[in-house]
C-alpha atoms as a PDB file:
ATOM      1  CA  MET A   1      -7.764  32.444  34.890  1.00  0.00           C
ATOM      2  CA  GLY A   2      -8.320  29.227  32.939  1.00  0.00           C
ATOM      3  CA  LEU A   3      -7.166  28.246  29.535  1.00  0.00           C
ATOM      4  CA  PRO A   4      -8.741  30.088  26.579  1.00  0.00           C
ATOM      5  CA  LYS A   5     -11.469  28.443  24.575  1.00  0.00           C
ATOM      6  CA  ARG A   6     -11.061  28.663  20.773  1.00  0.00           C
ATOM      7  CA  ARG A   7     -12.623  27.008  17.783  1.00  0.00           C
ATOM      8  CA  CYS A   8     -10.685  23.775  16.805  1.00  0.00           C
ATOM      9  CA  PRO A   9     -11.327  22.436  13.232  1.00  0.00           C
ATOM     10  CA  ASN A  10      -9.583  19.025  14.262  1.00  0.00           C
ATOM     11  CA  CYS A  11     -12.222  18.502  17.032  1.00  0.00           C
ATOM     12  CA  GLY A  12     -15.303  18.799  14.909  1.00  0.00           C
ATOM     13  CA  ASP A  13     -15.306  22.631  14.845  1.00  0.00           C
ATOM     14  CA  THR A  14     -16.000  22.668  18.596  1.00  0.00           C
ATOM     15  CA  GLU A  15     -14.716  25.115  21.219  1.00  0.00           C
ATOM     16  CA  GLN A  16     -11.666  23.611  22.952  1.00  0.00           C
ATOM     17  CA  HIS A  17      -9.114  24.796  25.517  1.00  0.00           C
ATOM     18  CA  PHE A  18      -5.795  25.833  24.060  1.00  0.00           C
ATOM     19  CA  ARG A  19      -2.562  26.128  25.996  1.00  0.00           C
ATOM     20  CA  ARG A  20       0.872  27.727  25.222  1.00  0.00           C
ATOM     21  CA  LEU A  21       3.372  25.691  23.270  1.00  0.00           C
ATOM     22  CA  HIS A  22       6.037  23.626  25.125  1.00  0.00           C
ATOM     23  CA  ASP A  23       9.685  23.700  24.021  1.00  0.00           C
ATOM     24  CA  ARG A  24       9.587  20.896  21.510  1.00  0.00           C
ATOM     25  CA  GLU A  25       6.391  22.217  20.009  1.00  0.00           C
ATOM     26  CA  GLN A  26       7.941  25.636  19.619  1.00  0.00           C
ATOM     27  CA  VAL A  27      11.031  24.194  17.871  1.00  0.00           C
ATOM     28  CA  PHE A  28       8.794  22.404  15.367  1.00  0.00           C
ATOM     29  CA  ALA A  29       6.616  25.433  14.907  1.00  0.00           C
ATOM     30  CA  LEU A  30       9.578  27.579  13.851  1.00  0.00           C
ATOM     31  CA  SER A  31      10.721  24.883  11.398  1.00  0.00           C
ATOM     32  CA  GLN A  32       7.248  24.290   9.860  1.00  0.00           C
ATOM     33  CA  ALA A  33       7.363  25.001   6.154  1.00  0.00           C
ATOM     34  CA  THR A  34       3.489  25.133   5.491  1.00  0.00           C
ATOM     35  CA  VAL A  35       2.804  27.908   7.993  1.00  0.00           C
ATOM     36  CA  ARG A  36       5.708  30.183   8.414  1.00  0.00           C
ATOM     37  CA  VAL A  37       5.738  31.042  12.170  1.00  0.00           C
ATOM     38  CA  HIS A  38       8.252  33.750  12.841  1.00  0.00           C
ATOM     39  CA  ARG A  39      10.044  33.828  16.285  1.00  0.00           C
ATOM     40  CA  ALA A  40       8.361  37.126  16.983  1.00  0.00           C
ATOM     41  CA  ASP A  41       4.869  35.706  16.572  1.00  0.00           C
ATOM     42  CA  LEU A  42       5.590  32.344  18.270  1.00  0.00           C
ATOM     43  CA  HIS A  43       3.866  33.606  21.461  1.00  0.00           C
ATOM     44  CA  LYS A  44       0.604  33.898  19.534  1.00  0.00           C
ATOM     45  CA  PHE A  45       0.314  30.160  18.830  1.00  0.00           C
ATOM     46  CA  ARG A  46      -1.550  27.658  21.111  1.00  0.00           C
ATOM     47  CA  ARG A  47      -2.052  23.941  21.168  1.00  0.00           C
ATOM     48  CA  CYS A  48      -5.419  22.212  21.744  1.00  0.00           C
ATOM     49  CA  THR A  49      -5.571  20.382  24.919  1.00  0.00           C
ATOM     50  CA  ARG A  50      -8.218  17.809  23.907  1.00  0.00           C
ATOM     51  CA  GLU A  51      -6.834  14.245  24.390  1.00  0.00           C
ATOM     52  CA  GLY A  52      -5.348  13.041  21.027  1.00  0.00           C
ATOM     53  CA  CYS A  53      -5.593  16.405  19.249  1.00  0.00           C
ATOM     54  CA  VAL A  54      -2.422  17.825  17.692  1.00  0.00           C
ATOM     55  CA  ARG A  55      -3.738  21.075  16.436  1.00  0.00           C
ATOM     56  CA  VAL A  56      -1.619  24.286  16.790  1.00  0.00           C
ATOM     57  CA  GLN A  57      -3.154  27.574  15.761  1.00  0.00           C
ATOM     58  CA  SER A  58      -2.879  31.273  16.149  1.00  0.00           C
ATOM     59  CA  TYR A  59      -4.664  32.623  19.227  1.00  0.00           C
ATOM     60  CA  PHE A  60      -6.251  35.296  17.170  1.00  0.00           C
ATOM     61  CA  ASN A  61      -6.916  33.418  13.882  1.00  0.00           C
ATOM     62  CA  TRP A  62      -8.041  29.912  13.974  1.00  0.00           C
ATOM     63  CA  ARG A  63      -7.584  29.487  10.186  1.00  0.00           C
ATOM     64  CA  LEU A  64      -3.748  29.997  10.717  1.00  0.00           C
ATOM     65  CA  GLY A  65      -2.588  26.761  12.020  1.00  0.00           C
ATOM     66  CA  PHE A  66      -1.215  23.313  11.383  1.00  0.00           C
ATOM     67  CA  ASP A  67      -1.045  19.721  12.896  1.00  0.00           C
ATOM     68  CA  LEU A  68       1.948  18.500  14.828  1.00  0.00           C
ATOM     69  CA  PRO A  69       3.311  15.174  13.616  1.00  0.00           C
ATOM     70  CA  GLU A  70       2.270  11.834  15.306  1.00  0.00           C
ATOM     71  CA  GLU A  71       5.058  11.766  17.697  1.00  0.00           C
ATOM     72  CA  PHE A  72       3.363  14.673  19.510  1.00  0.00           C
ATOM     73  CA  ARG A  73       0.140  12.892  20.052  1.00  0.00           C
ATOM     74  CA  ALA A  74      -0.257  11.798  23.573  1.00  0.00           C
ATOM     75  CA  PRO A  75      -0.461   7.888  23.994  1.00  0.00           C
ATOM     76  CA  ALA A  76      -4.002   6.601  24.742  1.00  0.00           C
ATOM     77  CA  ARG A  77      -4.734   6.018  28.360  1.00  0.00           C
ATOM     78  CA  PRO A  78      -5.214   2.288  29.220  1.00  0.00           C
ATOM     79  CA  PRO A  79      -8.819   1.343  30.334  1.00  0.00           C
ATOM     80  CA  VAL A  80      -9.392   1.338  34.155  1.00  0.00           C
END
């Protein structure tokens, strides 16, 4: 089974793959003030896997989400 595809408002409202949150992302999500993520609901949140995207949102409601800070953005790959 592959990663789920969901609507991502940060990626031009296109369908993108989302994955479960890693440890650091979970810690940030629990401390996020704008979207109150309760520990019991943490398993419902996913992160967009598109390169450069920092969107985290509920698996069930794409409107319930937030952006991770810049330090979570993957560094750009050098040209080959």
